[in-house]
Amino acid sequence: MPIATSFADADLLVSDISGIAIDWLAMDRPLMITKPARSTAAVATSPLTTLVPAIAATDIADLPRLAREQVTHDPLRDRRRELVAHYLGDVGAVSTAAPFVAAVDRMIEVRDCERARLKRLRTSQPGLHELVAS
C-alpha cells in the first residue's frame, strides 16, 4: 500500500523520529513518536521531538488511551501547525515546491559562476590546472 494511501486513511501516526514524521505534519493530524528502547541511544532534540508525545516501549499498555486522547481532543493542533510552517513552509500555497526550486536555481547560478571563475583562473595561470580540478 502506498504511504499516501496509508496517510489518507489514518487519524494518528505513531512513528519513530524520521522523515515520515515530518511528512505526516502536512496531514494536520495528531502524531506521536516512539522513544528508543535503549537508554543510551542518542536522540536529537528538535522542535518536533519536544512538542509531540513520545511513547516508550514500557508505556505500550497506555498507548490506546493516549492515542484516543490525541485523536479526540488534538491538544497540540495549533502548535503542530506552527511546526508545519517551520519544517514544510506554506503547505497551503499553490506550489510548495517553489521555494525549493528557487533555492536550487540559486545553487545552479553559484555553481556556474564558480566554474567560470575556475576556468578563467586556469587560463590565466596554466600551471594551476593540476591544482584545480574541473
Protein backbone atom coordinates (compact mmCIF):
# COMPACT_ATOMS: atom_id res chain seq x y z
CA MET A 1 0.00 0.00 0.00
CA PRO A 2 1.45 3.40 -0.92
CA ILE A 3 2.30 5.65 2.03
CA ALA A 4 -0.05 8.36 0.69
CA THR A 5 -2.97 5.92 0.93
CA SER A 6 -1.99 4.98 4.48
CA PHE A 7 -1.75 8.65 5.40
CA ALA A 8 -5.17 9.37 3.92
CA ASP A 9 -6.76 6.52 5.90
CA ALA A 10 -5.12 7.25 9.26
CA ASP A 11 -6.27 9.51 12.09
CA LEU A 12 -2.98 9.34 14.00
CA LEU A 13 0.63 8.44 13.23
CA VAL A 14 2.82 6.65 15.75
CA SER A 15 6.31 6.65 14.31
CA ASP A 16 9.97 6.74 15.09
CA ILE A 17 11.53 10.13 14.52
CA SER A 18 12.16 10.04 10.80
CA GLY A 19 11.23 11.77 7.59
CA ILE A 20 7.85 10.07 7.73
CA ALA A 21 7.02 12.04 10.88
CA ILE A 22 7.89 15.30 9.13
CA ASP A 23 5.85 14.33 6.06
CA TRP A 24 2.90 13.49 8.32
CA LEU A 25 2.80 17.05 9.68
CA ALA A 26 1.17 18.24 6.45
CA MET A 27 -1.80 15.94 7.18
CA ASP A 28 -2.80 18.21 10.09
CA ARG A 29 -3.50 15.21 12.30
CA PRO A 30 -2.04 14.10 15.63
CA LEU A 31 1.37 12.49 15.81
CA MET A 32 3.20 10.52 18.48
CA ILE A 33 6.80 9.38 18.32
CA THR A 34 8.45 6.35 19.81
CA LYS A 35 11.33 6.52 22.23
CA PRO A 36 14.30 4.24 21.57
CA ALA A 37 14.33 1.18 23.78
CA ARG A 38 17.98 1.68 24.71
CA SER A 39 18.53 4.44 27.23
CA THR A 40 21.96 5.06 25.71
CA ALA A 41 20.55 5.82 22.24
CA ALA A 42 21.37 9.31 21.01
CA VAL A 43 18.19 11.24 20.28
CA ALA A 44 18.39 14.65 18.70
CA THR A 45 16.31 17.40 20.21
CA SER A 46 14.21 19.30 17.71
CA PRO A 47 11.04 21.37 17.70
CA LEU A 48 9.16 18.19 16.75
CA THR A 49 10.63 15.94 19.44
CA THR A 50 9.99 18.49 22.16
CA LEU A 51 6.37 19.02 21.12
CA VAL A 52 4.76 15.70 20.31
CA PRO A 53 4.13 12.96 22.86
CA ALA A 54 6.85 10.30 22.96
CA ILE A 55 5.96 6.71 23.79
CA ALA A 56 8.39 4.26 25.38
CA ALA A 57 8.04 0.50 25.00
CA THR A 58 7.20 0.39 28.70
CA ASP A 59 4.19 2.67 28.03
CA ILE A 60 2.68 0.45 25.34
CA ALA A 61 -0.24 -0.63 27.57
CA ASP A 62 -1.25 3.04 27.86
CA LEU A 63 -0.99 3.67 24.10
CA PRO A 64 -4.73 3.19 23.33
CA ARG A 65 -5.71 5.82 25.93
CA LEU A 66 -3.02 8.25 24.81
CA ALA A 67 -3.90 7.77 21.15
CA ARG A 68 -7.61 8.26 21.83
CA GLU A 69 -6.83 11.50 23.69
CA GLN A 70 -4.76 12.80 20.78
CA VAL A 71 -7.38 11.91 18.16
CA THR A 72 -10.39 13.08 20.19
CA HIS A 73 -9.02 16.33 21.59
CA ASP A 74 -5.92 17.02 19.43
CA PRO A 75 -4.47 19.25 22.17
CA LEU A 76 -1.36 20.13 20.13
CA ARG A 77 -3.07 21.13 16.87
CA ASP A 78 -2.16 24.83 16.90
CA ARG A 79 1.42 24.26 17.98
CA ARG A 80 1.77 21.43 15.44
CA ARG A 81 0.61 23.79 12.71
CA GLU A 82 3.47 26.10 13.63
CA LEU A 83 5.80 23.15 13.07
CA VAL A 84 4.31 22.62 9.62
CA ALA A 85 5.35 26.14 8.69
CA HIS A 86 8.77 25.61 10.32
CA TYR A 87 9.55 22.34 8.53
CA LEU A 88 7.50 22.48 5.33
CA GLY A 89 6.72 26.13 4.66
CA ASP A 90 3.30 27.24 3.45
CA VAL A 91 1.64 23.95 2.52
CA GLY A 92 -1.50 25.85 1.52
CA ALA A 93 0.37 27.65 -1.24
CA VAL A 94 -0.27 26.75 -4.86
CA SER A 95 3.23 25.32 -5.14
CA THR A 96 5.09 24.37 -2.00
CA ALA A 97 7.95 23.39 -4.29
CA ALA A 98 8.55 27.00 -5.36
CA PRO A 99 10.99 27.89 -2.53
CA PHE A 100 12.91 24.66 -3.15
CA VAL A 101 13.09 25.28 -6.89
CA ALA A 102 14.26 28.87 -6.28
CA ALA A 103 17.00 27.61 -3.93
CA VAL A 104 18.14 25.04 -6.50
CA ASP A 105 18.19 27.74 -9.19
CA ARG A 106 20.39 29.89 -6.92
CA MET A 107 22.77 26.98 -6.33
CA ILE A 108 23.00 26.35 -10.09
CA GLU A 109 23.90 30.01 -10.60
CA VAL A 110 26.57 29.79 -7.90
CA ARG A 111 27.95 26.62 -9.48
CA ASP A 112 28.03 28.20 -12.95
CA CYS A 113 29.80 31.31 -11.64
CA GLU A 114 32.33 29.18 -9.77
CA ARG A 115 33.01 27.06 -12.86
CA ALA A 116 33.54 30.18 -14.93
CA ARG A 117 35.86 31.63 -12.27
CA LEU A 118 37.93 28.44 -12.14
CA LYS A 119 38.14 28.31 -15.93
CA ARG A 120 39.43 31.91 -16.02
CA LEU A 121 41.89 31.09 -13.26
CA ARG A 122 43.22 28.03 -15.11
CA THR A 123 43.52 30.04 -18.34
CA SER A 124 45.40 32.89 -16.66
CA GLN A 125 47.67 30.52 -14.70
CA PRO A 126 48.41 27.45 -16.88
CA GLY A 127 50.31 25.51 -14.18
CA LEU A 128 47.34 25.74 -11.86
CA HIS A 129 45.32 23.16 -13.81
CA GLU A 130 46.79 20.30 -11.77
CA LEU A 131 45.77 22.02 -8.51
CA VAL A 132 42.24 23.00 -9.51
CA ALA A 133 40.04 20.14 -10.72
CA SER A 134 37.27 20.89 -13.15
